[in-house]
N, C-alpha and C. Protein backbone atom coordinates (compact mmCIF):
# COMPACT_ATOMS: atom_id res chain seq x y z
N MET A 1 -3.06 31.14 23.11
CA MET A 1 -2.82 29.71 23.13
C MET A 1 -1.55 29.43 22.34
N ALA A 2 -0.68 28.64 22.88
CA ALA A 2 0.59 28.32 22.24
C ALA A 2 0.38 27.28 21.15
N THR A 3 1.11 27.43 20.07
CA THR A 3 1.06 26.46 18.98
C THR A 3 2.13 25.40 19.21
N VAL A 4 1.71 24.14 19.16
CA VAL A 4 2.66 23.04 19.33
C VAL A 4 3.04 22.55 17.94
N GLU A 5 4.33 22.57 17.66
CA GLU A 5 4.82 22.13 16.37
C GLU A 5 5.18 20.65 16.46
N LYS A 6 4.52 19.85 15.65
CA LYS A 6 4.78 18.41 15.65
C LYS A 6 5.68 18.09 14.46
N HIS A 7 6.76 17.39 14.73
CA HIS A 7 7.65 16.97 13.65
C HIS A 7 7.18 15.62 13.14
N LEU A 8 6.83 15.60 11.87
CA LEU A 8 6.31 14.37 11.25
C LEU A 8 7.46 13.52 10.73
N THR A 9 7.26 12.21 10.79
CA THR A 9 8.21 11.32 10.13
C THR A 9 7.96 11.44 8.62
N GLN A 10 8.88 10.95 7.84
CA GLN A 10 8.71 11.00 6.38
C GLN A 10 7.45 10.23 5.98
N GLU A 11 7.20 9.11 6.62
CA GLU A 11 6.02 8.30 6.31
C GLU A 11 4.74 9.07 6.64
N GLU A 12 4.71 9.74 7.78
CA GLU A 12 3.53 10.54 8.16
C GLU A 12 3.33 11.70 7.20
N ALA A 13 4.40 12.35 6.82
CA ALA A 13 4.31 13.48 5.88
C ALA A 13 3.81 13.00 4.52
N ASP A 14 4.32 11.86 4.07
CA ASP A 14 3.87 11.29 2.79
C ASP A 14 2.39 10.95 2.85
N SER A 15 1.98 10.32 3.93
CA SER A 15 0.58 9.94 4.10
C SER A 15 -0.32 11.17 4.11
N GLN A 16 0.12 12.20 4.79
CA GLN A 16 -0.64 13.45 4.86
C GLN A 16 -0.78 14.07 3.46
N GLU A 17 0.30 14.05 2.69
CA GLU A 17 0.26 14.60 1.33
C GLU A 17 -0.67 13.80 0.44
N ILE A 18 -0.64 12.49 0.57
CA ILE A 18 -1.53 11.63 -0.24
C ILE A 18 -2.99 11.92 0.10
N ARG A 19 -3.29 12.04 1.39
CA ARG A 19 -4.67 12.36 1.81
C ARG A 19 -5.09 13.72 1.29
N ARG A 20 -4.18 14.70 1.32
CA ARG A 20 -4.50 16.04 0.82
C ARG A 20 -4.83 15.99 -0.67
N LEU A 21 -4.00 15.29 -1.43
CA LEU A 21 -4.24 15.18 -2.87
C LEU A 21 -5.55 14.45 -3.16
N PHE A 22 -5.80 13.38 -2.41
CA PHE A 22 -7.05 12.64 -2.60
C PHE A 22 -8.26 13.53 -2.32
N ALA A 23 -8.18 14.31 -1.26
CA ALA A 23 -9.30 15.18 -0.88
C ALA A 23 -9.63 16.21 -1.94
N ILE A 24 -8.64 16.65 -2.69
CA ILE A 24 -8.91 17.65 -3.73
C ILE A 24 -9.03 17.02 -5.12
N GLY A 25 -8.98 15.68 -5.16
CA GLY A 25 -9.21 14.98 -6.42
C GLY A 25 -8.04 15.00 -7.37
N LYS A 26 -6.82 15.10 -6.85
CA LYS A 26 -5.63 15.13 -7.71
C LYS A 26 -4.84 13.83 -7.55
N ARG A 27 -4.06 13.53 -8.56
CA ARG A 27 -3.20 12.35 -8.54
C ARG A 27 -1.85 12.69 -7.94
N VAL A 28 -1.18 11.66 -7.44
CA VAL A 28 0.19 11.83 -6.95
C VAL A 28 1.10 11.88 -8.17
N THR A 29 1.82 12.99 -8.33
CA THR A 29 2.71 13.14 -9.48
C THR A 29 4.17 13.34 -9.07
N ASP A 30 4.41 13.56 -7.79
CA ASP A 30 5.77 13.77 -7.29
C ASP A 30 6.54 12.45 -7.37
N ARG A 31 7.56 12.42 -8.20
CA ARG A 31 8.32 11.18 -8.44
C ARG A 31 8.99 10.65 -7.18
N GLU A 32 9.48 11.54 -6.34
CA GLU A 32 10.11 11.10 -5.09
C GLU A 32 9.09 10.48 -4.14
N LEU A 33 7.92 11.06 -4.06
CA LEU A 33 6.86 10.52 -3.23
C LEU A 33 6.44 9.14 -3.74
N ILE A 34 6.29 9.01 -5.03
CA ILE A 34 5.93 7.72 -5.63
C ILE A 34 7.01 6.68 -5.34
N ARG A 35 8.27 7.08 -5.44
CA ARG A 35 9.38 6.15 -5.17
C ARG A 35 9.33 5.66 -3.73
N ARG A 36 9.11 6.58 -2.78
CA ARG A 36 9.04 6.19 -1.37
C ARG A 36 7.86 5.27 -1.10
N ILE A 37 6.72 5.55 -1.72
CA ILE A 37 5.53 4.70 -1.57
C ILE A 37 5.84 3.30 -2.07
N ARG A 38 6.45 3.20 -3.24
CA ARG A 38 6.78 1.89 -3.80
C ARG A 38 7.77 1.13 -2.93
N GLU A 39 8.77 1.82 -2.40
CA GLU A 39 9.75 1.17 -1.53
C GLU A 39 9.10 0.62 -0.28
N ARG A 40 8.22 1.43 0.35
CA ARG A 40 7.54 0.95 1.56
C ARG A 40 6.58 -0.17 1.24
N SER A 41 5.90 -0.10 0.11
CA SER A 41 4.98 -1.16 -0.30
C SER A 41 5.72 -2.47 -0.53
N GLU A 42 6.85 -2.39 -1.20
CA GLU A 42 7.65 -3.59 -1.46
C GLU A 42 8.18 -4.18 -0.15
N ALA A 43 8.60 -3.33 0.78
CA ALA A 43 9.08 -3.81 2.08
C ALA A 43 7.95 -4.51 2.84
N ALA A 44 6.75 -3.97 2.78
CA ALA A 44 5.61 -4.59 3.46
C ALA A 44 5.27 -5.91 2.80
N ARG A 45 5.28 -5.96 1.46
CA ARG A 45 4.99 -7.20 0.74
C ARG A 45 6.00 -8.27 1.10
N GLN A 46 7.27 -7.89 1.15
CA GLN A 46 8.33 -8.84 1.47
C GLN A 46 8.19 -9.36 2.90
N ALA A 47 7.82 -8.47 3.83
CA ALA A 47 7.63 -8.88 5.23
C ALA A 47 6.50 -9.89 5.36
N VAL A 48 5.40 -9.67 4.65
CA VAL A 48 4.27 -10.61 4.68
C VAL A 48 4.70 -11.94 4.06
N PHE A 49 5.43 -11.89 2.96
CA PHE A 49 5.90 -13.12 2.31
C PHE A 49 6.82 -13.91 3.23
N GLU A 50 7.74 -13.22 3.90
CA GLU A 50 8.67 -13.89 4.81
C GLU A 50 7.94 -14.50 6.00
N ARG A 51 6.90 -13.83 6.48
CA ARG A 51 6.16 -14.32 7.64
C ARG A 51 5.22 -15.46 7.28
N ASN A 52 4.55 -15.38 6.10
CA ASN A 52 3.49 -16.34 5.76
C ASN A 52 3.81 -17.25 4.59
N GLY A 53 4.85 -16.94 3.83
CA GLY A 53 5.11 -17.71 2.63
C GLY A 53 4.14 -17.31 1.53
N LEU A 54 4.14 -18.09 0.47
CA LEU A 54 3.26 -17.81 -0.67
C LEU A 54 1.82 -18.10 -0.29
N LEU A 55 0.95 -17.14 -0.46
CA LEU A 55 -0.47 -17.30 -0.16
C LEU A 55 -1.21 -17.50 -1.48
N ASP A 56 -1.44 -18.74 -1.83
CA ASP A 56 -2.11 -19.08 -3.08
C ASP A 56 -3.53 -19.51 -2.74
N ILE A 57 -4.38 -18.53 -2.50
CA ILE A 57 -5.73 -18.82 -2.03
C ILE A 57 -6.75 -18.73 -3.17
N ALA A 58 -6.75 -17.64 -3.87
CA ALA A 58 -7.81 -17.38 -4.85
C ALA A 58 -7.64 -18.17 -6.15
N VAL A 59 -6.43 -18.32 -6.63
CA VAL A 59 -6.21 -18.92 -7.94
C VAL A 59 -6.80 -20.32 -8.06
N PRO A 60 -6.57 -21.23 -7.11
CA PRO A 60 -7.17 -22.56 -7.25
C PRO A 60 -8.70 -22.52 -7.30
N HIS A 61 -9.30 -21.63 -6.51
CA HIS A 61 -10.76 -21.54 -6.50
C HIS A 61 -11.29 -20.94 -7.80
N ILE A 62 -10.61 -19.95 -8.33
CA ILE A 62 -11.03 -19.36 -9.61
C ILE A 62 -10.92 -20.38 -10.72
N ARG A 63 -9.84 -21.14 -10.74
CA ARG A 63 -9.67 -22.18 -11.76
C ARG A 63 -10.74 -23.25 -11.63
N ALA A 64 -11.06 -23.62 -10.38
CA ALA A 64 -12.10 -24.62 -10.17
C ALA A 64 -13.45 -24.12 -10.67
N LEU A 65 -13.77 -22.86 -10.40
CA LEU A 65 -15.03 -22.31 -10.89
C LEU A 65 -15.05 -22.24 -12.41
N ARG A 66 -13.94 -21.85 -12.99
CA ARG A 66 -13.84 -21.72 -14.44
C ARG A 66 -13.95 -23.08 -15.12
N ASP A 67 -13.27 -24.09 -14.54
CA ASP A 67 -13.21 -25.41 -15.17
C ASP A 67 -14.35 -26.33 -14.74
N GLY A 68 -15.17 -25.90 -13.78
CA GLY A 68 -16.30 -26.71 -13.34
C GLY A 68 -15.90 -27.84 -12.40
N ASP A 69 -14.74 -27.73 -11.76
CA ASP A 69 -14.30 -28.75 -10.82
C ASP A 69 -15.07 -28.60 -9.51
N ASP A 70 -15.22 -29.69 -8.81
CA ASP A 70 -15.87 -29.66 -7.50
C ASP A 70 -14.80 -29.75 -6.42
N GLU A 71 -14.16 -28.62 -6.11
CA GLU A 71 -13.13 -28.59 -5.07
C GLU A 71 -13.69 -28.15 -3.78
């Protein structure tokens, strides 16, 4: 049976490495991997912000519960 070699994108390779580390109970310590994760996370956060604006959902409800307001 022939082996098919799949070329992974950087994102797929990073995700695979994170899953591998999680499965063996280890933390991500590779600084470059952490940097790429943070960059992609920030890009996703920015995309959601640009699409939806500020989502201030929980804070008003938490304050109302804390202060006893009937909102």
